[in-house]
PDB file of N, CA and C in Angstrom:
ATOM      1  N   UNK A   1     -27.178 -16.308 168.909  1.00  0.00           N
ATOM      2  CA  UNK A   1     -27.643 -17.391 167.956  1.00  0.00           C
ATOM      3  C   UNK A   1     -29.110 -16.643 167.507  1.00  0.00           C
ATOM      4  N   UNK A   2     -29.860 -16.534 166.499  1.00  0.00           N
ATOM      5  CA  UNK A   2     -31.238 -16.334 166.795  1.00  0.00           C
ATOM      6  C   UNK A   2     -31.827 -17.859 166.391  1.00  0.00           C
ATOM      7  N   UNK A   3     -33.243 -17.710 167.708  1.00  0.00           N
ATOM      8  CA  UNK A   3     -33.482 -18.899 167.469  1.00  0.00           C
ATOM      9  C   UNK A   3     -34.590 -19.084 166.408  1.00  0.00           C
ATOM     10  N   UNK A   4     -34.674 -20.536 165.891  1.00  0.00           N
ATOM     11  CA  UNK A   4     -35.957 -20.702 164.789  1.00  0.00           C
ATOM     12  C   UNK A   4     -37.108 -20.701 165.519  1.00  0.00           C
ATOM     13  N   UNK A   5     -37.763 -20.190 164.783  1.00  0.00           N
ATOM     14  CA  UNK A   5     -39.205 -19.809 164.929  1.00  0.00           C
ATOM     15  C   UNK A   5     -39.992 -20.767 163.814  1.00  0.00           C
ATOM     16  N   UNK A   6     -41.175 -21.609 164.563  1.00  0.00           N
ATOM     17  CA  UNK A   6     -41.762 -22.473 164.070  1.00  0.00           C
ATOM     18  C   UNK A   6     -43.268 -22.586 164.585  1.00  0.00           C
ATOM     19  N   UNK A   7     -44.137 -23.404 164.205  1.00  0.00           N
ATOM     20  CA  UNK A   7     -45.297 -24.044 164.472  1.00  0.00           C
ATOM     21  C   UNK A   7     -45.738 -24.982 165.067  1.00  0.00           C
ATOM     22  N   UNK A   8     -46.516 -25.303 165.793  1.00  0.00           N
ATOM     23  CA  UNK A   8     -46.425 -26.723 166.196  1.00  0.00           C
ATOM     24  C   UNK A   8     -48.053 -26.939 166.438  1.00  0.00           C
ATOM     25  N   UNK A   9     -48.576 -28.060 166.017  1.00  0.00           N
ATOM     26  CA  UNK A   9     -50.085 -28.373 166.578  1.00  0.00           C
ATOM     27  C   UNK A   9     -49.986 -29.911 167.338  1.00  0.00           C
ATOM     28  N   UNK A  10     -50.605 -29.485 168.244  1.00  0.00           N
ATOM     29  CA  UNK A  10     -50.805 -30.892 169.213  1.00  0.00           C
ATOM     30  C   UNK A  10     -52.262 -31.476 169.368  1.00  0.00           C
ATOM     31  N   UNK A  11     -52.612 -32.553 169.759  1.00  0.00           N
ATOM     32  CA  UNK A  11     -53.580 -32.793 169.992  1.00  0.00           C
ATOM     33  C   UNK A  11     -53.532 -34.114 171.238  1.00  0.00           C
ATOM     34  N   UNK A  12     -53.974 -34.075 172.862  1.00  0.00           N
ATOM     35  CA  UNK A  12     -53.677 -34.343 173.744  1.00  0.00           C
ATOM     36  C   UNK A  12     -54.832 -35.082 174.102  1.00  0.00           C
ATOM     37  N   UNK A  13     -54.776 -36.560 174.531  1.00  0.00           N
ATOM     38  CA  UNK A  13     -56.053 -37.420 174.926  1.00  0.00           C
ATOM     39  C   UNK A  13     -55.535 -37.842 176.060  1.00  0.00           C
ATOM     40  N   UNK A  14     -56.542 -37.937 177.065  1.00  0.00           N
ATOM     41  CA  UNK A  14     -56.132 -38.833 178.405  1.00  0.00           C
ATOM     42  C   UNK A  14     -57.407 -37.558 179.210  1.00  0.00           C
ATOM     43  N   UNK A  15     -57.209 -37.979 180.414  1.00  0.00           N
ATOM     44  CA  UNK A  15     -58.130 -36.957 181.071  1.00  0.00           C
ATOM     45  C   UNK A  15     -57.715 -35.222 181.341  1.00  0.00           C
ATOM     46  N   UNK A  16     -58.133 -35.024 180.081  1.00  0.00           N
ATOM     47  CA  UNK A  16     -57.642 -33.629 179.800  1.00  0.00           C
ATOM     48  C   UNK A  16     -58.709 -32.636 179.390  1.00  0.00           C
ATOM     49  N   UNK A  17     -59.854 -32.687 179.898  1.00  0.00           N
ATOM     50  CA  UNK A  17     -60.643 -31.657 179.880  1.00  0.00           C
ATOM     51  C   UNK A  17     -61.710 -31.595 181.574  1.00  0.00           C
ATOM     52  N   UNK A  18     -61.823 -30.534 181.994  1.00  0.00           N
ATOM     53  CA  UNK A  18     -62.630 -30.362 183.322  1.00  0.00           C
ATOM     54  C   UNK A  18     -61.291 -30.122 184.325  1.00  0.00           C
ATOM     55  N   UNK A  19     -60.160 -30.272 183.868  1.00  0.00           N
ATOM     56  CA  UNK A  19     -59.151 -30.140 184.976  1.00  0.00           C
ATOM     57  C   UNK A  19     -58.060 -29.289 184.833  1.00  0.00           C
ATOM     58  N   UNK A  20     -58.488 -27.876 184.131  1.00  0.00           N
ATOM     59  CA  UNK A  20     -57.479 -26.594 184.028  1.00  0.00           C
ATOM     60  C   UNK A  20     -56.754 -26.850 182.768  1.00  0.00           C
ATOM     61  N   UNK A  21     -57.036 -27.713 182.231  1.00  0.00           N
ATOM     62  CA  UNK A  21     -55.854 -28.079 181.012  1.00  0.00           C
ATOM     63  C   UNK A  21     -55.566 -26.757 180.781  1.00  0.00           C
ATOM     64  N   UNK A  22     -56.854 -26.592 179.561  1.00  0.00           N
ATOM     65  CA  UNK A  22     -56.617 -25.004 178.616  1.00  0.00           C
ATOM     66  C   UNK A  22     -56.297 -23.855 179.587  1.00  0.00           C
ATOM     67  N   UNK A  23     -56.892 -24.054 180.682  1.00  0.00           N
ATOM     68  CA  UNK A  23     -56.329 -22.125 181.684  1.00  0.00           C
ATOM     69  C   UNK A  23     -55.024 -22.138 181.796  1.00  0.00           C
ATOM     70  N   UNK A  24     -54.440 -23.876 182.384  1.00  0.00           N
ATOM     71  CA  UNK A  24     -52.671 -23.999 182.523  1.00  0.00           C
ATOM     72  C   UNK A  24     -52.010 -23.688 181.192  1.00  0.00           C
ATOM     73  N   UNK A  25     -52.669 -24.561 180.380  1.00  0.00           N
ATOM     74  CA  UNK A  25     -52.003 -24.410 179.015  1.00  0.00           C
ATOM     75  C   UNK A  25     -51.479 -22.912 178.549  1.00  0.00           C
ATOM     76  N   UNK A  26     -52.851 -22.055 178.607  1.00  0.00           N
ATOM     77  CA  UNK A  26     -52.895 -20.433 178.577  1.00  0.00           C
ATOM     78  C   UNK A  26     -51.602 -19.764 179.110  1.00  0.00           C
ATOM     79  N   UNK A  27     -51.595 -20.246 180.135  1.00  0.00           N
ATOM     80  CA  UNK A  27     -50.648 -19.253 181.420  1.00  0.00           C
ATOM     81  C   UNK A  27     -49.340 -19.712 180.975  1.00  0.00           C
ATOM     82  N   UNK A  28     -49.245 -21.172 180.711  1.00  0.00           N
ATOM     83  CA  UNK A  28     -47.499 -21.611 180.535  1.00  0.00           C
ATOM     84  C   UNK A  28     -46.828 -21.170 179.176  1.00  0.00           C
ATOM     85  N   UNK A  29     -48.049 -20.916 178.192  1.00  0.00           N
ATOM     86  CA  UNK A  29     -47.778 -20.525 176.825  1.00  0.00           C
ATOM     87  C   UNK A  29     -47.517 -19.365 177.023  1.00  0.00           C
ATOM     88  N   UNK A  30     -48.272 -18.156 177.991  1.00  0.00           N
ATOM     89  CA  UNK A  30     -47.778 -16.772 177.901  1.00  0.00           C
ATOM     90  C   UNK A  30     -46.401 -16.647 178.630  1.00  0.00           C
ATOM     91  N   UNK A  31     -46.517 -17.456 179.251  1.00  0.00           N
ATOM     92  CA  UNK A  31     -44.742 -16.836 180.372  1.00  0.00           C
ATOM     93  C   UNK A  31     -43.844 -17.523 179.320  1.00  0.00           C
ATOM     94  N   UNK A  32     -44.404 -18.320 178.197  1.00  0.00           N
ATOM     95  CA  UNK A  32     -42.814 -18.456 177.505  1.00  0.00           C
ATOM     96  C   UNK A  32     -43.016 -17.935 176.412  1.00  0.00           C
ATOM     97  N   UNK A  33     -43.927 -16.609 175.865  1.00  0.00           N
ATOM     98  CA  UNK A  33     -43.924 -15.995 175.041  1.00  0.00           C
ATOM     99  C   UNK A  33     -44.195 -16.329 173.647  1.00  0.00           C
ATOM    100  N   UNK A  34     -45.367 -17.703 173.773  1.00  0.00           N
ATOM    101  CA  UNK A  34     -45.808 -18.384 172.574  1.00  0.00           C
ATOM    102  C   UNK A  34     -47.154 -17.693 172.105  1.00  0.00           C
ATOM    103  N   UNK A  35     -47.467 -17.951 171.009  1.00  0.00           N
ATOM    104  CA  UNK A  35     -48.700 -17.298 170.445  1.00  0.00           C
ATOM    105  C   UNK A  35     -49.649 -18.493 170.139  1.00  0.00           C
ATOM    106  N   UNK A  36     -50.754 -18.574 169.824  1.00  0.00           N
ATOM    107  CA  UNK A  36     -51.296 -19.897 169.454  1.00  0.00           C
ATOM    108  C   UNK A  36     -52.998 -19.498 170.097  1.00  0.00           C
ATOM    109  N   UNK A  37     -53.071 -20.973 170.070  1.00  0.00           N
ATOM    110  CA  UNK A  37     -54.876 -20.718 170.756  1.00  0.00           C
ATOM    111  C   UNK A  37     -55.019 -22.317 171.790  1.00  0.00           C
ATOM    112  N   UNK A  38     -55.518 -22.585 172.166  1.00  0.00           N
ATOM    113  CA  UNK A  38     -55.925 -24.239 172.779  1.00  0.00           C
ATOM    114  C   UNK A  38     -57.326 -24.213 172.898  1.00  0.00           C
ATOM    115  N   UNK A  39     -58.332 -25.510 172.784  1.00  0.00           N
ATOM    116  CA  UNK A  39     -59.717 -25.594 172.697  1.00  0.00           C
ATOM    117  C   UNK A  39     -59.983 -26.984 173.138  1.00  0.00           C
ATOM    118  N   UNK A  40     -60.920 -27.190 173.589  1.00  0.00           N
ATOM    119  CA  UNK A  40     -61.514 -28.514 173.719  1.00  0.00           C
ATOM    120  C   UNK A  40     -62.145 -29.130 172.719  1.00  0.00           C
ATOM    121  N   UNK A  41     -61.855 -30.365 172.212  1.00  0.00           N
ATOM    122  CA  UNK A  41     -62.588 -30.999 170.997  1.00  0.00           C
ATOM    123  C   UNK A  41     -63.596 -31.826 171.253  1.00  0.00           C
ATOM    124  N   UNK A  42     -64.573 -31.817 170.526  1.00  0.00           N
ATOM    125  CA  UNK A  42     -66.091 -32.539 171.129  1.00  0.00           C
ATOM    126  C   UNK A  42     -65.933 -33.878 171.454  1.00  0.00           C
ATOM    127  N   UNK A  43     -64.853 -34.296 170.999  1.00  0.00           N
ATOM    128  CA  UNK A  43     -64.264 -35.866 171.486  1.00  0.00           C
ATOM    129  C   UNK A  43     -63.568 -36.165 172.799  1.00  0.00           C
ATOM    130  N   UNK A  44     -63.438 -35.343 173.417  1.00  0.00           N
ATOM    131  CA  UNK A  44     -62.828 -35.100 174.609  1.00  0.00           C
ATOM    132  C   UNK A  44     -61.234 -34.764 174.862  1.00  0.00           C
ATOM    133  N   UNK A  45     -60.826 -34.751 173.747  1.00  0.00           N
ATOM    134  CA  UNK A  45     -59.376 -33.813 173.400  1.00  0.00           C
ATOM    135  C   UNK A  45     -59.130 -32.550 174.014  1.00  0.00           C
ATOM    136  N   UNK A  46     -57.770 -32.355 173.848  1.00  0.00           N
ATOM    137  CA  UNK A  46     -57.477 -31.026 173.660  1.00  0.00           C
ATOM    138  C   UNK A  46     -56.599 -30.256 172.893  1.00  0.00           C
ATOM    139  N   UNK A  47     -57.010 -29.308 171.716  1.00  0.00           N
ATOM    140  CA  UNK A  47     -56.007 -29.279 170.881  1.00  0.00           C
ATOM    141  C   UNK A  47     -55.335 -27.687 170.906  1.00  0.00           C
ATOM    142  N   UNK A  48     -54.335 -28.117 170.212  1.00  0.00           N
ATOM    143  CA  UNK A  48     -53.701 -26.412 170.941  1.00  0.00           C
ATOM    144  C   UNK A  48     -52.359 -26.259 169.252  1.00  0.00           C
ATOM    145  N   UNK A  49     -52.882 -25.206 169.287  1.00  0.00           N
ATOM    146  CA  UNK A  49     -51.215 -24.561 167.972  1.00  0.00           C
ATOM    147  C   UNK A  49     -50.385 -23.503 168.928  1.00  0.00           C
ATOM    148  N   UNK A  50     -49.179 -23.586 168.544  1.00  0.00           N
ATOM    149  CA  UNK A  50     -48.270 -23.132 169.148  1.00  0.00           C
ATOM    150  C   UNK A  50     -47.090 -22.523 168.274  1.00  0.00           C
ATOM    151  N   UNK A  51     -46.979 -20.959 168.323  1.00  0.00           N
ATOM    152  CA  UNK A  51     -46.023 -20.504 167.382  1.00  0.00           C
ATOM    153  C   UNK A  51     -45.088 -19.888 168.293  1.00  0.00           C
ATOM    154  N   UNK A  52     -43.676 -19.807 167.745  1.00  0.00           N
ATOM    155  CA  UNK A  52     -42.709 -18.989 168.969  1.00  0.00           C
ATOM    156  C   UNK A  52     -41.366 -19.776 168.112  1.00  0.00           C
ATOM    157  N   UNK A  53     -40.436 -19.252 168.906  1.00  0.00           N
ATOM    158  CA  UNK A  53     -39.140 -19.811 169.198  1.00  0.00           C
ATOM    159  C   UNK A  53     -39.493 -21.893 169.484  1.00  0.00           C
ATOM    160  N   UNK A  54     -38.580 -22.701 168.495  1.00  0.00           N
ATOM    161  CA  UNK A  54     -38.664 -24.154 168.605  1.00  0.00           C
ATOM    162  C   UNK A  54     -38.013 -24.353 169.932  1.00  0.00           C
ATOM    163  N   UNK A  55     -37.290 -23.811 170.733  1.00  0.00           N
ATOM    164  CA  UNK A  55     -36.739 -24.306 171.824  1.00  0.00           C
ATOM    165  C   UNK A  55     -37.984 -24.061 172.800  1.00  0.00           C
ATOM    166  N   UNK A  56     -38.670 -22.691 172.806  1.00  0.00           N
ATOM    167  CA  UNK A  56     -39.790 -22.399 173.960  1.00  0.00           C
ATOM    168  C   UNK A  56     -41.015 -23.599 173.660  1.00  0.00           C
ATOM    169  N   UNK A  57     -41.257 -23.672 172.178  1.00  0.00           N
ATOM    170  CA  UNK A  57     -41.986 -24.885 172.080  1.00  0.00           C
ATOM    171  C   UNK A  57     -42.215 -26.145 172.681  1.00  0.00           C
ATOM    172  N   UNK A  58     -40.564 -26.642 172.642  1.00  0.00           N
ATOM    173  CA  UNK A  58     -40.188 -27.630 172.983  1.00  0.00           C
ATOM    174  C   UNK A  58     -40.394 -27.691 174.401  1.00  0.00           C
ATOM    175  N   UNK A  59     -40.052 -26.837 175.402  1.00  0.00           N
ATOM    176  CA  UNK A  59     -40.518 -26.753 176.640  1.00  0.00           C
ATOM    177  C   UNK A  59     -41.749 -26.760 177.122  1.00  0.00           C
ATOM    178  N   UNK A  60     -42.474 -26.101 176.221  1.00  0.00           N
ATOM    179  CA  UNK A  60     -44.530 -25.840 176.338  1.00  0.00           C
ATOM    180  C   UNK A  60     -44.701 -27.921 175.838  1.00  0.00           C
ATOM    181  N   UNK A  61     -43.895 -28.413 175.386  1.00  0.00           N
ATOM    182  CA  UNK A  61     -44.175 -29.774 175.180  1.00  0.00           C
ATOM    183  C   UNK A  61     -44.009 -30.644 175.968  1.00  0.00           C
ATOM    184  N   UNK A  62     -42.690 -30.425 176.763  1.00  0.00           N
ATOM    185  CA  UNK A  62     -42.268 -31.459 177.662  1.00  0.00           C
ATOM    186  C   UNK A  62     -43.258 -31.363 178.995  1.00  0.00           C
ATOM    187  N   UNK A  63     -44.164 -29.816 178.968  1.00  0.00           N
ATOM    188  CA  UNK A  63     -45.020 -29.459 179.985  1.00  0.00           C
ATOM    189  C   UNK A  63     -46.108 -30.542 180.183  1.00  0.00           C
ATOM    190  N   UNK A  64     -46.645 -30.523 178.563  1.00  0.00           N
ATOM    191  CA  UNK A  64     -47.957 -30.549 178.023  1.00  0.00           C
ATOM    192  C   UNK A  64     -48.139 -32.216 178.207  1.00  0.00           C
ATOM    193  N   UNK A  65     -46.905 -33.085 178.381  1.00  0.00           N
ATOM    194  CA  UNK A  65     -47.104 -34.461 178.182  1.00  0.00           C
ATOM    195  C   UNK A  65     -47.432 -34.947 179.551  1.00  0.00           C
ATOM    196  N   UNK A  66     -47.165 -33.933 180.597  1.00  0.00           N
ATOM    197  CA  UNK A  66     -47.984 -34.257 182.321  1.00  0.00           C
ATOM    198  C   UNK A  66     -48.967 -33.542 182.397  1.00  0.00           C
ATOM    199  N   UNK A  67     -48.724 -31.956 181.762  1.00  0.00           N
ATOM    200  CA  UNK A  67     -50.150 -31.156 182.203  1.00  0.00           C
ATOM    201  C   UNK A  67     -50.548 -30.931 183.729  1.00  0.00           C
ATOM    202  N   UNK A  68     -51.495 -30.075 183.998  1.00  0.00           N
ATOM    203  CA  UNK A  68     -51.766 -29.554 185.225  1.00  0.00           C
ATOM    204  C   UNK A  68     -51.996 -30.843 186.065  1.00  0.00           C
ATOM    205  N   UNK A  69     -52.034 -30.739 187.545  1.00  0.00           N
ATOM    206  CA  UNK A  69     -51.960 -31.779 188.620  1.00  0.00           C
ATOM    207  C   UNK A  69     -53.042 -32.733 188.475  1.00  0.00           C
ATOM    208  N   UNK A  70     -54.274 -32.110 187.648  1.00  0.00           N
ATOM    209  CA  UNK A  70     -55.453 -33.465 188.061  1.00  0.00           C
ATOM    210  C   UNK A  70     -55.529 -33.997 186.456  1.00  0.00           C
ATOM    211  N   UNK A  71     -54.772 -33.745 185.605  1.00  0.00           N
ATOM    212  CA  UNK A  71     -54.924 -34.018 184.205  1.00  0.00           C
ATOM    213  C   UNK A  71     -54.073 -35.617 184.141  1.00  0.00           C
ATOM    214  N   UNK A  72     -54.614 -36.255 183.236  1.00  0.00           N
ATOM    215  CA  UNK A  72     -53.452 -37.765 182.918  1.00  0.00           C
ATOM    216  C   UNK A  72     -54.003 -37.601 181.513  1.00  0.00           C
ATOM    217  N   UNK A  73     -52.326 -37.363 180.977  1.00  0.00           N
ATOM    218  CA  UNK A  73     -52.254 -37.866 179.466  1.00  0.00           C
ATOM    219  C   UNK A  73     -52.221 -38.629 179.291  1.00  0.00           C
ATOM    220  N   UNK A  74     -52.777 -39.392 178.424  1.00  0.00           N
ATOM    221  CA  UNK A  74     -52.148 -40.676 177.792  1.00  0.00           C
ATOM    222  C   UNK A  74     -51.680 -40.896 176.560  1.00  0.00           C
ATOM    223  N   UNK A  75     -51.869 -39.844 175.495  1.00  0.00           N
ATOM    224  CA  UNK A  75     -51.448 -39.748 174.503  1.00  0.00           C
ATOM    225  C   UNK A  75     -51.436 -38.288 173.906  1.00  0.00           C
ATOM    226  N   UNK A  76     -50.490 -37.916 173.084  1.00  0.00           N
ATOM    227  CA  UNK A  76     -49.758 -36.581 172.363  1.00  0.00           C
ATOM    228  C   UNK A  76     -49.382 -36.901 171.113  1.00  0.00           C
ATOM    229  N   UNK A  77     -50.464 -36.215 170.216  1.00  0.00           N
ATOM    230  CA  UNK A  77     -49.808 -36.173 168.852  1.00  0.00           C
ATOM    231  C   UNK A  77     -48.866 -34.854 168.533  1.00  0.00           C
ATOM    232  N   UNK A  78     -48.151 -34.847 167.851  1.00  0.00           N
ATOM    233  CA  UNK A  78     -47.526 -33.522 167.824  1.00  0.00           C
ATOM    234  C   UNK A  78     -47.022 -33.767 165.923  1.00  0.00           C
ATOM    235  N   UNK A  79     -47.811 -32.431 165.484  1.00  0.00           N
ATOM    236  CA  UNK A  79     -47.117 -31.939 164.439  1.00  0.00           C
ATOM    237  C   UNK A  79     -46.536 -30.512 164.056  1.00  0.00           C
ATOM    238  N   UNK A  80     -45.457 -30.954 163.425  1.00  0.00           N
ATOM    239  CA  UNK A  80     -44.587 -29.428 163.322  1.00  0.00           C
ATOM    240  C   UNK A  80     -44.868 -29.293 162.166  1.00  0.00           C
ATOM    241  N   UNK A  81     -45.192 -27.655 161.696  1.00  0.00           N
ATOM    242  CA  UNK A  81     -45.659 -27.317 161.155  1.00  0.00           C
ATOM    243  C   UNK A  81     -44.680 -25.981 160.319  1.00  0.00           C
ATOM    244  N   UNK A  82     -45.091 -25.239 159.437  1.00  0.00           N
ATOM    245  CA  UNK A  82     -44.601 -24.104 158.840  1.00  0.00           C
ATOM    246  C   UNK A  82     -44.893 -22.668 159.511  1.00  0.00           C
ATOM    247  N   UNK A  83     -43.950 -22.027 160.223  1.00  0.00           N
ATOM    248  CA  UNK A  83     -44.075 -21.125 160.956  1.00  0.00           C
ATOM    249  C   UNK A  83     -45.272 -19.846 160.006  1.00  0.00           C
ATOM    250  N   UNK A  84     -46.125 -19.581 160.618  1.00  0.00           N
ATOM    251  CA  UNK A  84     -47.018 -18.120 159.793  1.00  0.00           C
ATOM    252  C   UNK A  84     -47.082 -17.103 160.157  1.00  0.00           C
ATOM    253  N   UNK A  85     -46.718 -16.945 161.642  1.00  0.00           N
ATOM    254  CA  UNK A  85     -47.016 -15.484 162.505  1.00  0.00           C
ATOM    255  C   UNK A  85     -48.456 -15.061 162.068  1.00  0.00           C
ATOM    256  N   UNK A  86     -49.289 -15.816 162.171  1.00  0.00           N
ATOM    257  CA  UNK A  86     -50.562 -15.265 162.195  1.00  0.00           C
ATOM    258  C   UNK A  86     -51.413 -15.265 163.515  1.00  0.00           C
ATOM    259  N   UNK A  87     -50.978 -15.349 164.660  1.00  0.00           N
ATOM    260  CA  UNK A  87     -51.578 -14.883 166.064  1.00  0.00           C
ATOM    261  C   UNK A  87     -50.850 -13.456 166.607  1.00  0.00           C
ATOM    262  N   UNK A  88     -51.768 -12.702 167.437  1.00  0.00           N
ATOM    263  CA  UNK A  88     -51.242 -11.758 168.105  1.00  0.00           C
ATOM    264  C   UNK A  88     -50.778 -12.080 169.402  1.00  0.00           C
ATOM    265  N   UNK A  89     -51.511 -13.345 169.929  1.00  0.00           N
ATOM    266  CA  UNK A  89     -51.297 -13.493 171.401  1.00  0.00           C
ATOM    267  C   UNK A  89     -51.568 -14.940 171.318  1.00  0.00           C
ATOM    268  N   UNK A  90     -51.765 -15.903 172.708  1.00  0.00           N
ATOM    269  CA  UNK A  90     -52.223 -16.974 173.021  1.00  0.00           C
ATOM    270  C   UNK A  90     -53.563 -16.910 173.541  1.00  0.00           C
ATOM    271  N   UNK A  91     -54.337 -17.649 173.351  1.00  0.00           N
ATOM    272  CA  UNK A  91     -55.715 -17.757 173.692  1.00  0.00           C
ATOM    273  C   UNK A  91     -56.421 -18.824 173.826  1.00  0.00           C
ATOM    274  N   UNK A  92     -57.502 -18.999 174.735  1.00  0.00           N
ATOM    275  CA  UNK A  92     -58.217 -20.374 175.008  1.00  0.00           C
ATOM    276  C   UNK A  92     -59.708 -20.232 173.581  1.00  0.00           C
ATOM    277  N   UNK A  93     -59.578 -21.064 172.589  1.00  0.00           N
ATOM    278  CA  UNK A  93     -60.724 -20.850 171.881  1.00  0.00           C
ATOM    279  C   UNK A  93     -61.965 -21.281 172.304  1.00  0.00           C
ATOM    280  N   UNK A  94     -62.835 -21.236 172.211  1.00  0.00           N
ATOM    281  CA  UNK A  94     -64.560 -21.627 172.211  1.00  0.00           C
ATOM    282  C   UNK A  94     -65.036 -21.670 170.943  1.00  0.00           C
ATOM    283  N   UNK A  95     -65.173 -22.739 170.524  1.00  0.00           N
ATOM    284  CA  UNK A  95     -65.895 -22.841 169.705  1.00  0.00           C
ATOM    285  C   UNK A  95     -66.514 -24.064 168.928  1.00  0.00           C
TER     286      UNK A  95
END
């Protein structure tokens, strides 16, 4: 059975900057074969877009609810979107 391709936009708040959140998200996403990006926002959150198999994104979300060891995730906003296939890989955005 072919897995469903989808896209997920997340906003993570809590103690999520300065705790290697983006780096660990990058590693985890690449391990799962997901594409997209992750970045810090100006208001202290971490924002990410994941594209790939729905079940792999769901695994990513399970991980992101906890995050890396030093993080303290307080809130996770998840928006499911239509798959666009616009990314070649997964990267950390600095902008």
